[in-house]
Amino acid sequence: MIFGLFVAFAGAAAPTALAGRVRPRGNGHCLQVAARRRDGTRMIVKGQPCYLMGRARIALVRRRHRTLHAAAVAPVCQAADVPVEASNVAASAATVECLVNRLRFAHGLQLLRADGGLAAAALRHADEMTQQHFFAHVSPDGSTITRRDLEAGYLTESDAGWVIGENLAWGTLGRSTPEAIVAAWEGSPEHLENMLDARYAQTGVAVVAATPLENEETAGATYVQEFGSVVR
């Protein structure tokens, strides 16, 4: 099983991912810096005064969306160990969303709401990885999670601030079920960090009954889960 992670933060209007400079705010420019992490790329906003503005806006997202659910009931997830087939990819995606929300519930976090824009961005990336035979957060044409979320309508150029993230995985046979994939993410500190990040309020999951490998005859599946919160 293979999986990857991406996290991006922004405090200014949504820029093109991996751009070195975005629209100036206040007395300075926001610099978006990419730094390699163990499984993927972590992007943070730096610069003055934009870094402080970015932190404040992310904090606003966190305050706005965090809720308590002391009286709520833990999600019950069906068919978590069912192998993925072309006929049940939508159900598998829903199960992944349920399993992640069950994990968040266990840690006292707000449950993520399904978002159509994030789901569309996730499906686009899952399709292109399996059709073009690559496995990465950045596509061969250079598109990134930020561009995909913009094109899917989840992000807009006028957004005051946003925080987005992405978990990727693919597996074969028994290691490709929703249960196995979420367990693998849970066993990776950085992927677990995405799933338990209190700043996220929405999610979108896509599952494709194929792997990124070319000429792979073994049954398997590819998973993409997008996370996000937006201040408008």
C-alpha atoms as a PDB file:
ATOM      1  CA  MET A   1       0.000   0.000   0.000  1.00  0.00           C
ATOM      2  CA  ILE A   2       1.249   3.451  -0.837  1.00  0.00           C
ATOM      3  CA  PHE A   3      -0.046   6.758   0.429  1.00  0.00           C
ATOM      4  CA  GLY A   4       0.822  10.441   0.305  1.00  0.00           C
ATOM      5  CA  LEU A   5       0.040  13.678   2.126  1.00  0.00           C
ATOM      6  CA  PHE A   6      -0.367  17.328   1.236  1.00  0.00           C
ATOM      7  CA  VAL A   7      -1.162  20.295   3.458  1.00  0.00           C
ATOM      8  CA  ALA A   8      -1.491  23.918   2.352  1.00  0.00           C
ATOM      9  CA  PHE A   9      -2.283  27.085   4.239  1.00  0.00           C
ATOM     10  CA  ALA A  10      -3.126  30.519   2.872  1.00  0.00           C
ATOM     11  CA  GLY A  11      -3.926  33.837   4.466  1.00  0.00           C
ATOM     12  CA  ALA A  12      -4.356  35.959   1.362  1.00  0.00           C
ATOM     13  CA  ALA A  13      -6.593  35.520  -1.668  1.00  0.00           C
ATOM     14  CA  ALA A  14      -6.090  32.019  -3.034  1.00  0.00           C
ATOM     15  CA  PRO A  15      -2.836  32.011  -5.058  1.00  0.00           C
ATOM     16  CA  THR A  16      -1.587  29.568  -7.630  1.00  0.00           C
ATOM     17  CA  ALA A  17       0.043  26.693  -5.755  1.00  0.00           C
ATOM     18  CA  LEU A  18       3.835  26.736  -5.565  1.00  0.00           C
ATOM     19  CA  ALA A  19       3.916  30.366  -6.721  1.00  0.00           C
ATOM     20  CA  GLY A  20       6.698  32.312  -5.079  1.00  0.00           C
ATOM     21  CA  ARG A  21       4.705  35.500  -4.586  1.00  0.00           C
ATOM     22  CA  VAL A  22       1.074  36.512  -4.376  1.00  0.00           C
ATOM     23  CA  ARG A  23      -0.861  39.777  -4.203  1.00  0.00           C
ATOM     24  CA  PRO A  24       0.640  42.169  -1.636  1.00  0.00           C
ATOM     25  CA  ARG A  25      -1.422  42.950   1.450  1.00  0.00           C
ATOM     26  CA  GLY A  26      -0.663  45.712   3.915  1.00  0.00           C
ATOM     27  CA  ASN A  27       3.000  46.651   3.878  1.00  0.00           C
ATOM     28  CA  GLY A  28       4.434  43.472   2.466  1.00  0.00           C
ATOM     29  CA  HIS A  29       4.078  40.407   0.308  1.00  0.00           C
ATOM     30  CA  CYS A  30       3.018  36.885   1.228  1.00  0.00           C
ATOM     31  CA  LEU A  31       5.621  34.303   0.333  1.00  0.00           C
ATOM     32  CA  GLN A  32       4.392  30.757  -0.178  1.00  0.00           C
ATOM     33  CA  VAL A  33       7.267  28.400   0.619  1.00  0.00           C
ATOM     34  CA  ALA A  34       7.329  24.696  -0.209  1.00  0.00           C
ATOM     35  CA  ALA A  35       9.332  22.518   2.174  1.00  0.00           C
ATOM     36  CA  ARG A  36       9.783  18.790   1.719  1.00  0.00           C
ATOM     37  CA  ARG A  37       8.303  16.517   4.350  1.00  0.00           C
ATOM     38  CA  ARG A  38       8.570  12.775   4.689  1.00  0.00           C
ATOM     39  CA  ASP A  39       5.527  11.892   2.581  1.00  0.00           C
ATOM     40  CA  GLY A  40       4.764  15.015   0.617  1.00  0.00           C
ATOM     41  CA  THR A  41       4.850  18.777   0.645  1.00  0.00           C
ATOM     42  CA  ARG A  42       3.854  21.110   3.432  1.00  0.00           C
ATOM     43  CA  MET A  43       3.211  24.679   2.408  1.00  0.00           C
ATOM     44  CA  ILE A  44       3.076  27.589   4.826  1.00  0.00           C
ATOM     45  CA  VAL A  45       2.513  31.308   4.446  1.00  0.00           C
ATOM     46  CA  LYS A  46       5.389  33.508   5.501  1.00  0.00           C
ATOM     47  CA  GLY A  47       6.298  37.191   5.311  1.00  0.00           C
ATOM     48  CA  GLN A  48       5.212  40.339   7.116  1.00  0.00           C
ATOM     49  CA  PRO A  49       2.520  41.328   7.733  1.00  0.00           C
ATOM     50  CA  CYS A  50       0.865  38.537   5.764  1.00  0.00           C
ATOM     51  CA  TYR A  51       2.115  35.752   7.999  1.00  0.00           C
ATOM     52  CA  LEU A  52       0.359  37.267  11.003  1.00  0.00           C
ATOM     53  CA  MET A  53      -2.758  37.905   8.902  1.00  0.00           C
ATOM     54  CA  GLY A  54      -2.662  34.324   7.715  1.00  0.00           C
ATOM     55  CA  ARG A  55      -2.408  32.982  11.250  1.00  0.00           C
ATOM     56  CA  ALA A  56      -5.319  35.154  12.364  1.00  0.00           C
ATOM     57  CA  ARG A  57      -7.538  33.987   9.511  1.00  0.00           C
ATOM     58  CA  ILE A  58      -6.726  30.341  10.094  1.00  0.00           C
ATOM     59  CA  ALA A  59      -7.538  30.861  13.770  1.00  0.00           C
ATOM     60  CA  LEU A  60     -10.850  32.397  12.702  1.00  0.00           C
ATOM     61  CA  VAL A  61     -11.638  29.292  10.668  1.00  0.00           C
ATOM     62  CA  ARG A  62     -10.851  27.168  13.683  1.00  0.00           C
ATOM     63  CA  ARG A  63     -13.053  29.184  16.034  1.00  0.00           C
ATOM     64  CA  ARG A  64     -15.910  29.397  13.576  1.00  0.00           C
ATOM     65  CA  HIS A  65     -16.154  25.702  12.803  1.00  0.00           C
ATOM     66  CA  ARG A  66     -15.186  23.921  16.027  1.00  0.00           C
ATOM     67  CA  THR A  67     -18.166  22.442  17.805  1.00  0.00           C
ATOM     68  CA  LEU A  68     -18.839  20.177  20.768  1.00  0.00           C
ATOM     69  CA  HIS A  69     -20.794  16.977  20.330  1.00  0.00           C
ATOM     70  CA  ALA A  70     -21.073  15.598  23.849  1.00  0.00           C
ATOM     71  CA  ALA A  71     -24.612  14.412  23.183  1.00  0.00           C
ATOM     72  CA  ALA A  72     -23.918  13.140  19.654  1.00  0.00           C
ATOM     73  CA  VAL A  73     -23.627   9.499  18.642  1.00  0.00           C
ATOM     74  CA  ALA A  74     -20.505   8.062  17.028  1.00  0.00           C
ATOM     75  CA  PRO A  75     -20.913   7.412  13.292  1.00  0.00           C
ATOM     76  CA  VAL A  76     -21.686   3.816  12.332  1.00  0.00           C
ATOM     77  CA  CYS A  77     -19.805   2.844   9.170  1.00  0.00           C
ATOM     78  CA  GLN A  78     -21.141   0.078   6.959  1.00  0.00           C
ATOM     79  CA  ALA A  79     -19.203  -2.309   4.710  1.00  0.00           C
ATOM     80  CA  ALA A  80     -15.783  -0.987   5.739  1.00  0.00           C
ATOM     81  CA  ASP A  81     -14.102  -4.284   4.808  1.00  0.00           C
ATOM     82  CA  VAL A  82     -15.808  -4.753   1.430  1.00  0.00           C
ATOM     83  CA  PRO A  83     -13.401  -4.834  -1.550  1.00  0.00           C
ATOM     84  CA  VAL A  84     -13.757  -1.950  -3.983  1.00  0.00           C
ATOM     85  CA  GLU A  85     -15.380  -2.630  -7.335  1.00  0.00           C
ATOM     86  CA  ALA A  86     -16.568  -0.314 -10.079  1.00  0.00           C
ATOM     87  CA  SER A  87     -20.134  -0.779  -8.857  1.00  0.00           C
ATOM     88  CA  ASN A  88     -19.492   0.356  -5.277  1.00  0.00           C
ATOM     89  CA  VAL A  89     -16.945   3.191  -5.516  1.00  0.00           C
ATOM     90  CA  ALA A  90     -19.472   5.767  -4.278  1.00  0.00           C
ATOM     91  CA  ALA A  91     -20.313   3.616  -1.260  1.00  0.00           C
ATOM     92  CA  SER A  92     -16.598   3.097  -0.579  1.00  0.00           C
ATOM     93  CA  ALA A  93     -15.994   6.852  -0.659  1.00  0.00           C
ATOM     94  CA  ALA A  94     -18.858   7.386   1.786  1.00  0.00           C
ATOM     95  CA  THR A  95     -17.392   4.721   4.054  1.00  0.00           C
ATOM     96  CA  VAL A  96     -14.007   6.455   4.102  1.00  0.00           C
ATOM     97  CA  GLU A  97     -15.705   9.708   5.045  1.00  0.00           C
ATOM     98  CA  CYS A  98     -17.583   7.872   7.810  1.00  0.00           C
ATOM     99  CA  LEU A  99     -14.451   6.181   9.158  1.00  0.00           C
ATOM    100  CA  VAL A 100     -12.546   9.461   9.295  1.00  0.00           C
ATOM    101  CA  ASN A 101     -15.470  11.137  11.047  1.00  0.00           C
ATOM    102  CA  ARG A 102     -15.631   8.255  13.521  1.00  0.00           C
ATOM    103  CA  LEU A 103     -11.960   8.842  14.269  1.00  0.00           C
ATOM    104  CA  ARG A 104     -12.563  12.557  14.724  1.00  0.00           C
ATOM    105  CA  PHE A 105     -15.538  11.827  17.002  1.00  0.00           C
ATOM    106  CA  ALA A 106     -13.328   9.650  19.188  1.00  0.00           C
ATOM    107  CA  HIS A 107     -10.967  12.614  19.595  1.00  0.00           C
ATOM    108  CA  GLY A 108     -13.730  15.101  20.397  1.00  0.00           C
ATOM    109  CA  LEU A 109     -13.495  16.931  17.068  1.00  0.00           C
ATOM    110  CA  GLN A 110     -16.172  18.358  14.806  1.00  0.00           C
ATOM    111  CA  LEU A 111     -17.346  15.930  12.140  1.00  0.00           C
ATOM    112  CA  LEU A 112     -16.488  16.899   8.580  1.00  0.00           C
ATOM    113  CA  ARG A 113     -19.295  17.854   6.200  1.00  0.00           C
ATOM    114  CA  ALA A 114     -19.338  16.467   2.673  1.00  0.00           C
ATOM    115  CA  ASP A 115     -18.600  19.117   0.040  1.00  0.00           C
ATOM    116  CA  GLY A 116     -19.316  18.648  -3.658  1.00  0.00           C
ATOM    117  CA  GLY A 117     -16.451  20.865  -4.793  1.00  0.00           C
ATOM    118  CA  LEU A 118     -13.882  18.935  -2.765  1.00  0.00           C
ATOM    119  CA  ALA A 119     -15.367  15.643  -3.982  1.00  0.00           C
ATOM    120  CA  ALA A 120     -15.070  16.801  -7.606  1.00  0.00           C
ATOM    121  CA  ALA A 121     -11.443  17.821  -7.073  1.00  0.00           C
ATOM    122  CA  ALA A 122     -10.716  14.458  -5.438  1.00  0.00           C
ATOM    123  CA  LEU A 123     -12.306  12.512  -8.301  1.00  0.00           C
ATOM    124  CA  ARG A 124     -10.415  14.493 -10.908  1.00  0.00           C
ATOM    125  CA  HIS A 125      -7.116  13.657  -9.238  1.00  0.00           C
ATOM    126  CA  ALA A 126      -7.971   9.997  -8.670  1.00  0.00           C
ATOM    127  CA  ASP A 127      -8.962   9.631 -12.332  1.00  0.00           C
ATOM    128  CA  GLU A 128      -5.838  11.294 -13.677  1.00  0.00           C
ATOM    129  CA  MET A 129      -3.530   9.261 -11.433  1.00  0.00           C
ATOM    130  CA  THR A 130      -5.044   5.957 -12.584  1.00  0.00           C
ATOM    131  CA  GLN A 131      -5.322   6.990 -16.227  1.00  0.00           C
ATOM    132  CA  GLN A 132      -1.891   8.638 -16.527  1.00  0.00           C
ATOM    133  CA  HIS A 133      -0.121   6.150 -14.229  1.00  0.00           C
ATOM    134  CA  PHE A 134       1.458   8.400 -11.614  1.00  0.00           C
ATOM    135  CA  PHE A 135       1.034   8.803  -7.864  1.00  0.00           C
ATOM    136  CA  ALA A 136       1.730  12.290  -6.545  1.00  0.00           C
ATOM    137  CA  HIS A 137       0.032  15.421  -5.283  1.00  0.00           C
ATOM    138  CA  VAL A 138       1.292  17.392  -8.297  1.00  0.00           C
ATOM    139  CA  SER A 139       0.049  16.170 -11.678  1.00  0.00           C
ATOM    140  CA  PRO A 140       2.326  15.806 -14.734  1.00  0.00           C
ATOM    141  CA  ASP A 141       0.763  18.979 -16.182  1.00  0.00           C
ATOM    142  CA  GLY A 142       1.742  20.875 -13.036  1.00  0.00           C
ATOM    143  CA  SER A 143      -1.719  21.135 -11.491  1.00  0.00           C
ATOM    144  CA  THR A 144      -1.816  21.100  -7.701  1.00  0.00           C
ATOM    145  CA  ILE A 145      -4.416  20.703  -4.998  1.00  0.00           C
ATOM    146  CA  THR A 146      -4.882  24.474  -4.998  1.00  0.00           C
ATOM    147  CA  ARG A 147      -5.583  24.622  -8.725  1.00  0.00           C
ATOM    148  CA  ARG A 148      -7.898  21.618  -8.554  1.00  0.00           C
ATOM    149  CA  ASP A 149      -9.872  23.174  -5.693  1.00  0.00           C
ATOM    150  CA  LEU A 150     -10.105  26.456  -7.596  1.00  0.00           C
ATOM    151  CA  GLU A 151     -11.300  24.770 -10.779  1.00  0.00           C
ATOM    152  CA  ALA A 152     -13.817  22.685  -8.842  1.00  0.00           C
ATOM    153  CA  GLY A 153     -15.242  25.840  -7.281  1.00  0.00           C
ATOM    154  CA  TYR A 154     -14.334  25.054  -3.688  1.00  0.00           C
ATOM    155  CA  LEU A 155     -11.877  27.959  -3.581  1.00  0.00           C
ATOM    156  CA  THR A 156     -12.366  31.347  -5.230  1.00  0.00           C
ATOM    157  CA  GLU A 157      -9.960  34.202  -5.872  1.00  0.00           C
ATOM    158  CA  SER A 158     -11.965  36.396  -3.491  1.00  0.00           C
ATOM    159  CA  ASP A 159     -11.675  34.108  -0.456  1.00  0.00           C
ATOM    160  CA  ALA A 160     -10.246  35.898   2.580  1.00  0.00           C
ATOM    161  CA  GLY A 161      -8.381  32.798   3.723  1.00  0.00           C
ATOM    162  CA  TRP A 162      -8.378  29.039   3.541  1.00  0.00           C
ATOM    163  CA  VAL A 163      -6.715  25.877   4.746  1.00  0.00           C
ATOM    164  CA  ILE A 164      -6.732  22.729   2.612  1.00  0.00           C
ATOM    165  CA  GLY A 165      -5.158  19.284   2.750  1.00  0.00           C
ATOM    166  CA  GLU A 166      -5.069  16.024   0.849  1.00  0.00           C
ATOM    167  CA  ASN A 167      -4.451  12.367   1.676  1.00  0.00           C
ATOM    168  CA  LEU A 168      -3.692   9.864  -1.088  1.00  0.00           C
ATOM    169  CA  ALA A 169      -3.497   6.080  -1.038  1.00  0.00           C
ATOM    170  CA  TRP A 170      -3.732   3.030  -3.235  1.00  0.00           C
ATOM    171  CA  GLY A 171      -3.681  -0.647  -2.456  1.00  0.00           C
ATOM    172  CA  THR A 172      -4.479  -4.042  -3.878  1.00  0.00           C
ATOM    173  CA  LEU A 173      -6.686  -6.944  -2.787  1.00  0.00           C
ATOM    174  CA  GLY A 174      -7.378  -6.947   0.965  1.00  0.00           C
ATOM    175  CA  ARG A 175      -5.242  -3.878   1.514  1.00  0.00           C
ATOM    176  CA  SER A 176      -7.482  -1.752  -0.694  1.00  0.00           C
ATOM    177  CA  THR A 177     -10.663  -1.770   1.393  1.00  0.00           C
ATOM    178  CA  PRO A 178     -11.833   1.503   3.036  1.00  0.00           C
ATOM    179  CA  GLU A 179     -10.997   0.066   6.450  1.00  0.00           C
ATOM    180  CA  ALA A 180      -7.453  -0.874   5.413  1.00  0.00           C
ATOM    181  CA  ILE A 181      -6.781   2.496   3.786  1.00  0.00           C
ATOM    182  CA  VAL A 182      -7.966   4.570   6.751  1.00  0.00           C
ATOM    183  CA  ALA A 183      -6.023   2.315   9.117  1.00  0.00           C
ATOM    184  CA  ALA A 184      -2.876   2.918   7.043  1.00  0.00           C
ATOM    185  CA  TRP A 185      -3.435   6.676   7.169  1.00  0.00           C
ATOM    186  CA  GLU A 186      -4.025   6.432  10.901  1.00  0.00           C
ATOM    187  CA  GLY A 187      -0.680   4.660  11.282  1.00  0.00           C
ATOM    188  CA  SER A 188       1.145   7.541   9.563  1.00  0.00           C
ATOM    189  CA  PRO A 189       1.591  10.561  11.890  1.00  0.00           C
ATOM    190  CA  GLU A 190       1.356  13.093   9.068  1.00  0.00           C
ATOM    191  CA  HIS A 191      -1.736  11.552   7.479  1.00  0.00           C
ATOM    192  CA  LEU A 192      -3.309  11.224  10.907  1.00  0.00           C
ATOM    193  CA  GLU A 193      -2.594  14.914  11.450  1.00  0.00           C
ATOM    194  CA  ASN A 194      -4.702  15.734   8.389  1.00  0.00           C
ATOM    195  CA  MET A 195      -7.584  13.573   9.558  1.00  0.00           C
ATOM    196  CA  LEU A 196      -7.538  15.090  13.053  1.00  0.00           C
ATOM    197  CA  ASP A 197      -6.882  18.711  12.128  1.00  0.00           C
ATOM    198  CA  ALA A 198      -9.512  20.789  13.944  1.00  0.00           C
ATOM    199  CA  ARG A 199      -9.281  23.532  11.326  1.00  0.00           C
ATOM    200  CA  TYR A 200     -10.969  21.429   8.659  1.00  0.00           C
ATOM    201  CA  ALA A 201     -14.745  21.627   8.322  1.00  0.00           C
ATOM    202  CA  GLN A 202     -15.440  20.019   4.921  1.00  0.00           C
ATOM    203  CA  THR A 203     -14.209  16.979   3.047  1.00  0.00           C
ATOM    204  CA  GLY A 204     -14.547  15.258  -0.289  1.00  0.00           C
ATOM    205  CA  VAL A 205     -13.582  11.654  -1.008  1.00  0.00           C
ATOM    206  CA  ALA A 206     -13.132   9.824  -4.301  1.00  0.00           C
ATOM    207  CA  VAL A 207     -12.389   6.153  -4.881  1.00  0.00           C
ATOM    208  CA  VAL A 208     -11.484   4.581  -8.222  1.00  0.00           C
ATOM    209  CA  ALA A 209     -11.410   0.810  -8.737  1.00  0.00           C
ATOM    210  CA  ALA A 210      -7.948   0.868 -10.316  1.00  0.00           C
ATOM    211  CA  THR A 211      -4.355   1.557  -9.291  1.00  0.00           C
ATOM    212  CA  PRO A 212      -1.824   4.050 -10.679  1.00  0.00           C
ATOM    213  CA  LEU A 213       0.331   1.186 -11.945  1.00  0.00           C
ATOM    214  CA  GLU A 214       0.453   0.613 -15.675  1.00  0.00           C
ATOM    215  CA  ASN A 215      -0.645  -2.857 -16.841  1.00  0.00           C
ATOM    216  CA  GLU A 216      -1.595  -3.861 -13.292  1.00  0.00           C
ATOM    217  CA  GLU A 217      -3.845  -6.913 -13.427  1.00  0.00           C
ATOM    218  CA  THR A 218      -4.339  -7.318  -9.659  1.00  0.00           C
ATOM    219  CA  ALA A 219      -7.578  -5.824  -8.368  1.00  0.00           C
ATOM    220  CA  GLY A 220      -7.070  -2.663  -6.353  1.00  0.00           C
ATOM    221  CA  ALA A 221      -8.254   0.860  -5.660  1.00  0.00           C
ATOM    222  CA  THR A 222      -6.985   4.427  -5.475  1.00  0.00           C
ATOM    223  CA  TYR A 223      -8.221   6.864  -2.829  1.00  0.00           C
ATOM    224  CA  VAL A 224      -8.140  10.655  -2.577  1.00  0.00           C
ATOM    225  CA  GLN A 225      -9.489  12.573   0.399  1.00  0.00           C
ATOM    226  CA  GLU A 226      -9.575  16.370   0.337  1.00  0.00           C
ATOM    227  CA  PHE A 227      -9.956  18.509   3.465  1.00  0.00           C
ATOM    228  CA  GLY A 228     -10.726  22.199   3.729  1.00  0.00           C
ATOM    229  CA  SER A 229     -12.131  25.270   5.414  1.00  0.00           C
ATOM    230  CA  VAL A 230     -12.718  28.647   3.778  1.00  0.00           C
ATOM    231  CA  VAL A 231     -13.287  32.169   5.087  1.00  0.00           C
ATOM    232  CA  ARG A 232     -15.308  34.298   2.690  1.00  0.00           C
END
